[in-house]
Amino acid sequence: MLRIGISVEGATEREFVNQVIMPYLSEQGILTTPVPMNGNISLDRIRNELPRLLGSFDYVTTFYDLCGFKRRQGKSAEELEQDILELLDPKRQQRLIPYIQQYEFEALVFSDPAIIADELHDTDKQSRAEAIVREAGRLMMAWKPVRQGDLKPCFLIMTRNFMARVFAGALV
């Protein structure tokens, strides 16, 4: 079985890999494992992480948001992907597929249902998207934080449910 390590920026990306990418690729005989960086992404941190990841997986890819990238000096996603690739010698580069998400991943997850419907030219999709957002809101209201302001578990539940439905064909 092919093993792919996915170095992810944080919890949302990790849950997306676990709930959407992993089940799909496992049906293809590919084992995927998210490896969280827990934010503060930079070329220096990636340089330190890559040798360990390449030692544990057949291939490695990245899943970081461009806006969360530290010390990027105005570089585009494509330029940063090339910089990540160049952190390795040419032989090891063949096992690395860098990916930088152009836009904040969480912003894509919680997009406006009306805009989704408008872009897809299908008002029926708007009502389905609104129902998903309402359900996510009910989950949020039902969840009792362990301590004041601790919304991370609720956010993960909302993201998992929303993304699972989106990629299961509920919207498209």
N, C-alpha and C. Protein backbone atom coordinates (compact mmCIF):
# COMPACT_ATOMS: atom_id res chain seq x y z
N MET A 1 0.84 -1.18 0.00
CA MET A 1 0.00 0.00 0.00
C MET A 1 0.89 1.25 0.00
N LEU A 2 0.58 2.19 -0.87
CA LEU A 2 1.31 3.44 -0.96
C LEU A 2 0.98 4.32 0.24
N ARG A 3 2.01 4.92 0.85
CA ARG A 3 1.82 5.77 2.02
C ARG A 3 2.16 7.22 1.68
N ILE A 4 1.19 8.12 1.93
CA ILE A 4 1.39 9.55 1.66
C ILE A 4 1.21 10.32 2.96
N GLY A 5 2.22 11.09 3.32
CA GLY A 5 2.14 11.99 4.46
C GLY A 5 1.71 13.36 3.97
N ILE A 6 0.73 13.94 4.63
CA ILE A 6 0.25 15.27 4.24
C ILE A 6 0.52 16.22 5.40
N SER A 7 1.50 17.08 5.23
CA SER A 7 1.83 18.06 6.24
C SER A 7 0.79 19.17 6.16
N VAL A 8 -0.02 19.32 7.22
CA VAL A 8 -1.13 20.26 7.21
C VAL A 8 -0.86 21.41 8.17
N GLU A 9 -1.48 22.55 7.85
CA GLU A 9 -1.28 23.76 8.66
C GLU A 9 -1.85 23.61 10.07
N GLY A 10 -3.10 23.13 10.15
CA GLY A 10 -3.74 23.07 11.46
C GLY A 10 -4.87 22.07 11.53
N ALA A 11 -5.75 22.27 12.51
CA ALA A 11 -6.81 21.32 12.81
C ALA A 11 -7.84 21.19 11.69
N THR A 12 -8.20 22.29 11.04
CA THR A 12 -9.20 22.22 9.98
C THR A 12 -8.69 21.40 8.81
N GLU A 13 -7.48 21.66 8.40
CA GLU A 13 -6.89 20.91 7.31
C GLU A 13 -6.73 19.43 7.69
N ARG A 14 -6.34 19.18 8.93
CA ARG A 14 -6.21 17.80 9.40
C ARG A 14 -7.55 17.07 9.31
N GLU A 15 -8.62 17.72 9.78
CA GLU A 15 -9.94 17.10 9.72
C GLU A 15 -10.40 16.90 8.29
N PHE A 16 -10.09 17.83 7.41
CA PHE A 16 -10.44 17.67 6.00
C PHE A 16 -9.76 16.43 5.43
N VAL A 17 -8.49 16.26 5.73
CA VAL A 17 -7.76 15.06 5.26
C VAL A 17 -8.40 13.81 5.86
N ASN A 18 -8.65 13.82 7.16
CA ASN A 18 -9.22 12.64 7.82
C ASN A 18 -10.61 12.28 7.31
N GLN A 19 -11.45 13.28 7.10
CA GLN A 19 -12.85 13.03 6.79
C GLN A 19 -13.16 12.95 5.30
N VAL A 20 -12.33 13.58 4.45
CA VAL A 20 -12.65 13.63 3.02
C VAL A 20 -11.60 12.92 2.18
N ILE A 21 -10.35 13.31 2.33
CA ILE A 21 -9.29 12.77 1.47
C ILE A 21 -8.97 11.32 1.83
N MET A 22 -8.80 11.04 3.12
CA MET A 22 -8.40 9.70 3.56
C MET A 22 -9.38 8.61 3.10
N PRO A 23 -10.70 8.77 3.33
CA PRO A 23 -11.61 7.71 2.88
C PRO A 23 -11.57 7.49 1.37
N TYR A 24 -11.48 8.56 0.61
CA TYR A 24 -11.45 8.43 -0.85
C TYR A 24 -10.19 7.70 -1.30
N LEU A 25 -9.03 8.13 -0.82
CA LEU A 25 -7.78 7.51 -1.27
C LEU A 25 -7.61 6.10 -0.74
N SER A 26 -8.17 5.81 0.44
CA SER A 26 -8.04 4.44 0.96
C SER A 26 -8.75 3.44 0.04
N GLU A 27 -9.83 3.88 -0.61
CA GLU A 27 -10.51 3.02 -1.59
C GLU A 27 -9.61 2.73 -2.79
N GLN A 28 -8.63 3.60 -3.03
CA GLN A 28 -7.69 3.42 -4.13
C GLN A 28 -6.42 2.68 -3.67
N GLY A 29 -6.40 2.23 -2.42
CA GLY A 29 -5.24 1.52 -1.90
C GLY A 29 -4.12 2.44 -1.47
N ILE A 30 -4.46 3.68 -1.13
CA ILE A 30 -3.45 4.66 -0.72
C ILE A 30 -3.73 5.07 0.72
N LEU A 31 -2.74 4.91 1.58
CA LEU A 31 -2.85 5.29 2.98
C LEU A 31 -2.37 6.74 3.12
N THR A 32 -3.24 7.60 3.64
CA THR A 32 -2.86 9.00 3.86
C THR A 32 -2.85 9.28 5.35
N THR A 33 -1.89 10.08 5.78
CA THR A 33 -1.77 10.45 7.17
C THR A 33 -1.52 11.96 7.26
N PRO A 34 -2.44 12.71 7.92
CA PRO A 34 -2.17 14.13 8.12
C PRO A 34 -1.15 14.31 9.24
N VAL A 35 -0.23 15.24 9.05
CA VAL A 35 0.76 15.55 10.07
C VAL A 35 0.65 17.05 10.36
N PRO A 36 0.00 17.42 11.48
CA PRO A 36 -0.25 18.83 11.76
C PRO A 36 1.01 19.60 12.14
N MET A 37 1.12 20.81 11.59
CA MET A 37 2.20 21.72 11.95
C MET A 37 1.73 22.71 13.04
N ASN A 38 0.42 22.76 13.26
CA ASN A 38 -0.17 23.63 14.28
C ASN A 38 0.17 25.11 14.08
N GLY A 39 0.04 25.55 12.83
CA GLY A 39 0.22 26.97 12.51
C GLY A 39 1.67 27.40 12.44
N ASN A 40 1.84 28.72 12.28
CA ASN A 40 3.17 29.33 12.22
C ASN A 40 4.06 28.67 11.17
N ILE A 41 3.51 28.51 9.96
CA ILE A 41 4.22 27.85 8.87
C ILE A 41 5.28 28.78 8.29
N SER A 42 6.47 28.25 8.10
CA SER A 42 7.56 29.00 7.47
C SER A 42 8.48 28.01 6.77
N LEU A 43 9.30 28.52 5.88
CA LEU A 43 10.25 27.65 5.18
C LEU A 43 11.21 26.98 6.16
N ASP A 44 11.59 27.70 7.22
CA ASP A 44 12.50 27.12 8.21
C ASP A 44 11.86 25.92 8.90
N ARG A 45 10.59 26.05 9.30
CA ARG A 45 9.90 24.94 9.96
C ARG A 45 9.73 23.77 9.00
N ILE A 46 9.39 24.07 7.76
CA ILE A 46 9.20 23.01 6.76
C ILE A 46 10.52 22.29 6.52
N ARG A 47 11.60 23.04 6.42
CA ARG A 47 12.94 22.45 6.20
C ARG A 47 13.26 21.45 7.31
N ASN A 48 12.90 21.77 8.53
CA ASN A 48 13.16 20.88 9.66
C ASN A 48 12.25 19.66 9.66
N GLU A 49 11.04 19.80 9.13
CA GLU A 49 10.04 18.73 9.16
C GLU A 49 10.21 17.72 8.01
N LEU A 50 10.64 18.18 6.86
CA LEU A 50 10.68 17.32 5.67
C LEU A 50 11.51 16.04 5.82
N PRO A 51 12.71 16.09 6.37
CA PRO A 51 13.48 14.84 6.48
C PRO A 51 12.75 13.75 7.26
N ARG A 52 12.10 14.13 8.37
CA ARG A 52 11.35 13.16 9.16
C ARG A 52 10.18 12.59 8.36
N LEU A 53 9.47 13.46 7.65
CA LEU A 53 8.32 13.01 6.87
C LEU A 53 8.75 12.09 5.73
N LEU A 54 9.78 12.48 5.01
CA LEU A 54 10.25 11.65 3.89
C LEU A 54 10.81 10.32 4.37
N GLY A 55 11.26 10.27 5.62
CA GLY A 55 11.72 9.01 6.19
C GLY A 55 10.58 8.08 6.59
N SER A 56 9.37 8.62 6.70
CA SER A 56 8.23 7.84 7.17
C SER A 56 7.21 7.50 6.10
N PHE A 57 7.27 8.18 4.95
CA PHE A 57 6.25 8.00 3.91
C PHE A 57 6.89 7.83 2.54
N ASP A 58 6.14 7.20 1.63
CA ASP A 58 6.61 7.05 0.25
C ASP A 58 6.63 8.39 -0.47
N TYR A 59 5.60 9.19 -0.23
CA TYR A 59 5.49 10.53 -0.79
C TYR A 59 4.99 11.47 0.29
N VAL A 60 5.31 12.75 0.12
CA VAL A 60 4.86 13.78 1.06
C VAL A 60 4.29 14.93 0.26
N THR A 61 3.19 15.48 0.76
CA THR A 61 2.64 16.69 0.18
C THR A 61 2.36 17.67 1.32
N THR A 62 2.07 18.90 0.97
CA THR A 62 1.78 19.92 1.97
C THR A 62 0.40 20.49 1.72
N PHE A 63 -0.21 21.03 2.77
CA PHE A 63 -1.52 21.65 2.68
C PHE A 63 -1.53 22.83 3.66
N TYR A 64 -1.01 23.97 3.19
CA TYR A 64 -0.89 25.17 4.01
C TYR A 64 -1.64 26.31 3.32
N ASP A 65 -2.16 27.24 4.12
CA ASP A 65 -2.78 28.44 3.57
C ASP A 65 -1.71 29.48 3.27
N LEU A 66 -1.85 30.16 2.16
CA LEU A 66 -0.91 31.21 1.79
C LEU A 66 -0.90 32.32 2.84
N CYS A 67 -2.09 32.72 3.30
CA CYS A 67 -2.15 33.85 4.24
C CYS A 67 -1.56 33.51 5.60
N GLY A 68 -1.46 32.23 5.93
CA GLY A 68 -0.87 31.84 7.21
C GLY A 68 0.63 31.61 7.15
N PHE A 69 1.21 31.78 5.97
CA PHE A 69 2.63 31.51 5.77
C PHE A 69 3.44 32.69 6.33
N LYS A 70 4.33 32.43 7.25
CA LYS A 70 5.16 33.47 7.87
C LYS A 70 6.39 33.78 7.01
N ARG A 71 6.79 35.01 7.03
CA ARG A 71 8.00 35.48 6.33
C ARG A 71 8.01 35.07 4.86
N ARG A 72 6.88 35.25 4.18
CA ARG A 72 6.80 34.85 2.77
C ARG A 72 7.27 35.95 1.83
N GLN A 73 7.49 37.14 2.34
CA GLN A 73 8.07 38.24 1.57
C GLN A 73 7.33 38.51 0.27
N GLY A 74 6.00 38.47 0.33
CA GLY A 74 5.18 38.79 -0.83
C GLY A 74 5.15 37.73 -1.92
N LYS A 75 5.69 36.57 -1.66
CA LYS A 75 5.73 35.52 -2.68
C LYS A 75 4.35 34.92 -2.89
N SER A 76 4.09 34.45 -4.11
CA SER A 76 2.84 33.80 -4.45
C SER A 76 2.87 32.35 -3.96
N ALA A 77 1.71 31.70 -4.01
CA ALA A 77 1.62 30.29 -3.63
C ALA A 77 2.57 29.45 -4.48
N GLU A 78 2.57 29.72 -5.78
CA GLU A 78 3.43 28.94 -6.69
C GLU A 78 4.91 29.15 -6.37
N GLU A 79 5.29 30.37 -6.04
CA GLU A 79 6.70 30.64 -5.71
C GLU A 79 7.09 29.92 -4.42
N LEU A 80 6.19 29.92 -3.44
CA LEU A 80 6.48 29.21 -2.19
C LEU A 80 6.55 27.71 -2.40
N GLU A 81 5.68 27.17 -3.26
CA GLU A 81 5.75 25.75 -3.58
C GLU A 81 7.10 25.40 -4.17
N GLN A 82 7.60 26.24 -5.04
CA GLN A 82 8.93 26.01 -5.64
C GLN A 82 10.02 26.11 -4.57
N ASP A 83 9.89 27.10 -3.67
CA ASP A 83 10.86 27.24 -2.58
C ASP A 83 10.88 26.00 -1.70
N ILE A 84 9.70 25.44 -1.42
CA ILE A 84 9.63 24.23 -0.60
C ILE A 84 10.32 23.07 -1.32
N LEU A 85 10.05 22.93 -2.59
CA LEU A 85 10.68 21.86 -3.37
C LEU A 85 12.20 21.99 -3.34
N GLU A 86 12.68 23.21 -3.44
CA GLU A 86 14.13 23.45 -3.48
C GLU A 86 14.82 23.28 -2.13
N LEU A 87 14.04 23.02 -1.09
CA LEU A 87 14.65 22.71 0.21
C LEU A 87 15.33 21.35 0.19
N LEU A 88 15.00 20.53 -0.81
CA LEU A 88 15.51 19.16 -0.91
C LEU A 88 16.46 19.00 -2.08
N ASP A 89 17.30 17.98 -1.99
CA ASP A 89 18.16 17.65 -3.12
C ASP A 89 17.28 17.07 -4.24
N PRO A 90 17.73 17.12 -5.50
CA PRO A 90 16.90 16.69 -6.63
C PRO A 90 16.33 15.27 -6.50
N LYS A 91 17.08 14.36 -5.93
CA LYS A 91 16.60 12.98 -5.80
C LYS A 91 15.38 12.91 -4.88
N ARG A 92 15.41 13.62 -3.77
CA ARG A 92 14.29 13.60 -2.80
C ARG A 92 13.12 14.46 -3.29
N GLN A 93 13.39 15.41 -4.16
CA GLN A 93 12.32 16.25 -4.69
C GLN A 93 11.24 15.43 -5.40
N GLN A 94 11.63 14.30 -5.94
CA GLN A 94 10.69 13.44 -6.68
C GLN A 94 9.61 12.88 -5.77
N ARG A 95 9.84 12.88 -4.47
CA ARG A 95 8.87 12.32 -3.51
C ARG A 95 8.07 13.40 -2.79
N LEU A 96 8.25 14.65 -3.18
CA LEU A 96 7.57 15.77 -2.53
C LEU A 96 6.67 16.49 -3.53
N ILE A 97 5.43 16.73 -3.13
CA ILE A 97 4.48 17.48 -3.96
C ILE A 97 3.97 18.64 -3.10
N PRO A 98 4.65 19.80 -3.14
CA PRO A 98 4.21 20.91 -2.31
C PRO A 98 2.90 21.51 -2.81
N TYR A 99 2.03 21.88 -1.86
CA TYR A 99 0.78 22.56 -2.21
C TYR A 99 0.50 23.65 -1.19
N ILE A 100 0.30 24.87 -1.70
CA ILE A 100 -0.10 26.00 -0.87
C ILE A 100 -1.48 26.42 -1.33
N GLN A 101 -2.45 26.44 -0.41
CA GLN A 101 -3.82 26.85 -0.71
C GLN A 101 -3.83 28.37 -0.90
N GLN A 102 -4.26 28.82 -2.08
CA GLN A 102 -4.26 30.24 -2.42
C GLN A 102 -5.06 31.08 -1.43
N TYR A 103 -6.21 30.56 -1.01
CA TYR A 103 -7.09 31.30 -0.12
C TYR A 103 -7.24 30.56 1.19
N GLU A 104 -7.58 31.28 2.24
CA GLU A 104 -7.78 30.69 3.56
C GLU A 104 -8.77 29.54 3.44
N PHE A 105 -8.34 28.34 3.81
CA PHE A 105 -9.17 27.15 3.67
C PHE A 105 -10.49 27.30 4.43
N GLU A 106 -10.43 27.82 5.64
CA GLU A 106 -11.64 27.99 6.44
C GLU A 106 -12.64 28.92 5.76
N ALA A 107 -12.15 29.92 5.04
CA ALA A 107 -13.05 30.84 4.33
C ALA A 107 -13.79 30.10 3.22
N LEU A 108 -13.14 29.15 2.59
CA LEU A 108 -13.80 28.37 1.55
C LEU A 108 -14.85 27.44 2.16
N VAL A 109 -14.56 26.93 3.33
CA VAL A 109 -15.49 26.03 4.00
C VAL A 109 -16.78 26.75 4.37
N PHE A 110 -16.65 27.97 4.86
CA PHE A 110 -17.82 28.71 5.33
C PHE A 110 -18.22 29.81 4.35
N SER A 111 -18.29 29.47 3.09
CA SER A 111 -18.70 30.43 2.07
C SER A 111 -20.19 30.70 2.16
N ASP A 112 -20.60 31.80 1.57
CA ASP A 112 -22.00 32.23 1.58
C ASP A 112 -22.83 31.37 0.63
N PRO A 113 -23.90 30.72 1.14
CA PRO A 113 -24.73 29.85 0.29
C PRO A 113 -25.32 30.56 -0.93
N ALA A 114 -25.70 31.83 -0.79
CA ALA A 114 -26.26 32.57 -1.92
C ALA A 114 -25.22 32.74 -3.02
N ILE A 115 -24.00 32.99 -2.63
CA ILE A 115 -22.93 33.16 -3.62
C ILE A 115 -22.63 31.82 -4.30
N ILE A 116 -22.64 30.74 -3.51
CA ILE A 116 -22.44 29.41 -4.08
C ILE A 116 -23.48 29.15 -5.16
N ALA A 117 -24.75 29.39 -4.82
CA ALA A 117 -25.84 29.14 -5.77
C ALA A 117 -25.71 30.03 -7.00
N ASP A 118 -25.35 31.29 -6.78
CA ASP A 118 -25.21 32.21 -7.90
C ASP A 118 -24.09 31.76 -8.85
N GLU A 119 -22.96 31.37 -8.28
CA GLU A 119 -21.83 30.93 -9.09
C GLU A 119 -22.14 29.63 -9.83
N LEU A 120 -22.95 28.77 -9.21
CA LEU A 120 -23.31 27.50 -9.84
C LEU A 120 -24.55 27.64 -10.73
N HIS A 121 -25.14 28.84 -10.72
CA HIS A 121 -26.35 29.12 -11.52
C HIS A 121 -27.46 28.13 -11.21
N ASP A 122 -27.67 27.89 -9.90
CA ASP A 122 -28.69 26.92 -9.48
C ASP A 122 -29.20 27.32 -8.10
N THR A 123 -30.41 27.91 -8.04
CA THR A 123 -30.95 28.37 -6.77
C THR A 123 -31.28 27.21 -5.83
N ASP A 124 -31.52 26.02 -6.35
CA ASP A 124 -31.78 24.86 -5.50
C ASP A 124 -30.57 24.57 -4.61
N LYS A 125 -29.39 24.80 -5.12
CA LYS A 125 -28.18 24.56 -4.34
C LYS A 125 -28.11 25.51 -3.14
N GLN A 126 -28.67 26.73 -3.29
CA GLN A 126 -28.66 27.68 -2.18
C GLN A 126 -29.45 27.13 -1.00
N SER A 127 -30.62 26.59 -1.23
CA SER A 127 -31.42 26.08 -0.12
C SER A 127 -30.72 24.90 0.56
N ARG A 128 -30.06 24.06 -0.21
CA ARG A 128 -29.32 22.94 0.40
C ARG A 128 -28.14 23.45 1.23
N ALA A 129 -27.42 24.44 0.69
CA ALA A 129 -26.29 25.00 1.43
C ALA A 129 -26.77 25.69 2.70
N GLU A 130 -27.88 26.42 2.62
CA GLU A 130 -28.43 27.09 3.80
C GLU A 130 -28.83 26.07 4.86
N ALA A 131 -29.39 24.94 4.46
CA ALA A 131 -29.77 23.89 5.41
C ALA A 131 -28.53 23.34 6.12
N ILE A 132 -27.45 23.18 5.39
CA ILE A 132 -26.21 22.68 5.99
C ILE A 132 -25.67 23.69 6.99
N VAL A 133 -25.70 24.98 6.63
CA VAL A 133 -25.22 26.02 7.54
C VAL A 133 -26.10 26.07 8.79
N ARG A 134 -27.43 25.95 8.63
CA ARG A 134 -28.34 25.93 9.79
C ARG A 134 -28.01 24.76 10.71
N GLU A 135 -27.78 23.59 10.12
CA GLU A 135 -27.45 22.41 10.92
C GLU A 135 -26.15 22.64 11.68
N ALA A 136 -25.17 23.22 11.02
CA ALA A 136 -23.90 23.52 11.68
C ALA A 136 -24.14 24.49 12.84
N GLY A 137 -25.01 25.47 12.64
CA GLY A 137 -25.34 26.41 13.70
C GLY A 137 -26.00 25.72 14.89
N ARG A 138 -26.89 24.77 14.63
CA ARG A 138 -27.53 24.03 15.72
C ARG A 138 -26.49 23.24 16.50
N LEU A 139 -25.55 22.64 15.80
CA LEU A 139 -24.48 21.91 16.48
C LEU A 139 -23.68 22.85 17.38
N MET A 140 -23.43 24.04 16.88
CA MET A 140 -22.65 25.02 17.63
C MET A 140 -23.41 25.44 18.89
N MET A 141 -24.71 25.67 18.77
CA MET A 141 -25.50 26.10 19.92
C MET A 141 -25.63 24.97 20.95
N ALA A 142 -25.64 23.72 20.50
CA ALA A 142 -25.81 22.59 21.40
C ALA A 142 -24.51 22.25 22.14
N TRP A 143 -23.40 22.64 21.57
CA TRP A 143 -22.11 22.30 22.17
C TRP A 143 -21.82 23.22 23.35
N LYS A 144 -21.46 22.66 24.48
CA LYS A 144 -21.14 23.42 25.68
C LYS A 144 -19.63 23.46 25.84
N PRO A 145 -19.03 24.64 25.69
CA PRO A 145 -17.57 24.71 25.81
C PRO A 145 -17.08 24.30 27.20
N VAL A 146 -15.94 23.63 27.21
CA VAL A 146 -15.33 23.22 28.47
C VAL A 146 -14.90 24.45 29.25
N ARG A 147 -14.37 25.43 28.57
CA ARG A 147 -14.00 26.69 29.21
C ARG A 147 -14.44 27.83 28.28
N GLN A 148 -14.63 28.97 28.84
CA GLN A 148 -15.13 30.11 28.08
C GLN A 148 -14.27 30.37 26.83
N GLY A 149 -14.92 30.49 25.70
CA GLY A 149 -14.22 30.82 24.47
C GLY A 149 -13.59 29.64 23.75
N ASP A 150 -13.74 28.44 24.27
CA ASP A 150 -13.14 27.27 23.64
C ASP A 150 -14.11 26.72 22.59
N LEU A 151 -13.98 27.18 21.35
CA LEU A 151 -14.90 26.77 20.29
C LEU A 151 -14.26 25.82 19.29
N LYS A 152 -13.02 25.45 19.50
CA LYS A 152 -12.33 24.60 18.53
C LYS A 152 -13.05 23.28 18.26
N PRO A 153 -13.50 22.52 19.28
CA PRO A 153 -14.19 21.26 18.97
C PRO A 153 -15.45 21.49 18.14
N CYS A 154 -16.19 22.54 18.45
CA CYS A 154 -17.40 22.83 17.68
C CYS A 154 -17.05 23.17 16.25
N PHE A 155 -16.02 23.97 16.06
CA PHE A 155 -15.59 24.35 14.72
C PHE A 155 -15.20 23.12 13.92
N LEU A 156 -14.52 22.18 14.56
CA LEU A 156 -14.12 20.96 13.86
C LEU A 156 -15.32 20.13 13.45
N ILE A 157 -16.32 20.04 14.35
CA ILE A 157 -17.54 19.30 14.00
C ILE A 157 -18.23 19.96 12.82
N MET A 158 -18.36 21.28 12.86
CA MET A 158 -19.02 22.00 11.78
C MET A 158 -18.27 21.80 10.46
N THR A 159 -16.96 21.92 10.51
CA THR A 159 -16.17 21.78 9.30
C THR A 159 -16.29 20.37 8.73
N ARG A 160 -16.17 19.38 9.61
CA ARG A 160 -16.27 17.99 9.16
C ARG A 160 -17.62 17.73 8.49
N ASN A 161 -18.69 18.14 9.14
CA ASN A 161 -20.02 17.90 8.58
C ASN A 161 -20.23 18.64 7.27
N PHE A 162 -19.82 19.90 7.23
CA PHE A 162 -20.01 20.69 6.03
C PHE A 162 -19.21 20.11 4.86
N MET A 163 -17.93 19.85 5.09
CA MET A 163 -17.09 19.36 4.02
C MET A 163 -17.52 17.97 3.58
N ALA A 164 -17.93 17.12 4.52
CA ALA A 164 -18.39 15.78 4.13
C ALA A 164 -19.59 15.88 3.22
N ARG A 165 -20.50 16.78 3.52
CA ARG A 165 -21.68 16.93 2.67
C ARG A 165 -21.34 17.55 1.33
N VAL A 166 -20.48 18.54 1.34
CA VAL A 166 -20.09 19.17 0.07
C VAL A 166 -19.46 18.14 -0.85
N PHE A 167 -18.51 17.37 -0.32
CA PHE A 167 -17.80 16.45 -1.18
C PHE A 167 -18.55 15.15 -1.40
N ALA A 168 -19.65 14.95 -0.69
CA ALA A 168 -20.50 13.79 -0.95
C ALA A 168 -21.53 14.12 -2.02
N GLY A 169 -21.51 15.35 -2.52
CA GLY A 169 -22.41 15.71 -3.61
C GLY A 169 -23.66 16.43 -3.17
N ALA A 170 -23.73 16.87 -1.91
CA ALA A 170 -24.92 17.56 -1.45
C ALA A 170 -25.11 18.90 -2.15
N LEU A 171 -24.02 19.52 -2.58
CA LEU A 171 -24.14 20.83 -3.21
C LEU A 171 -23.91 20.80 -4.72
N VAL A 172 -23.12 19.86 -5.18
CA VAL A 172 -22.79 19.85 -6.60
C VAL A 172 -23.25 18.59 -7.28
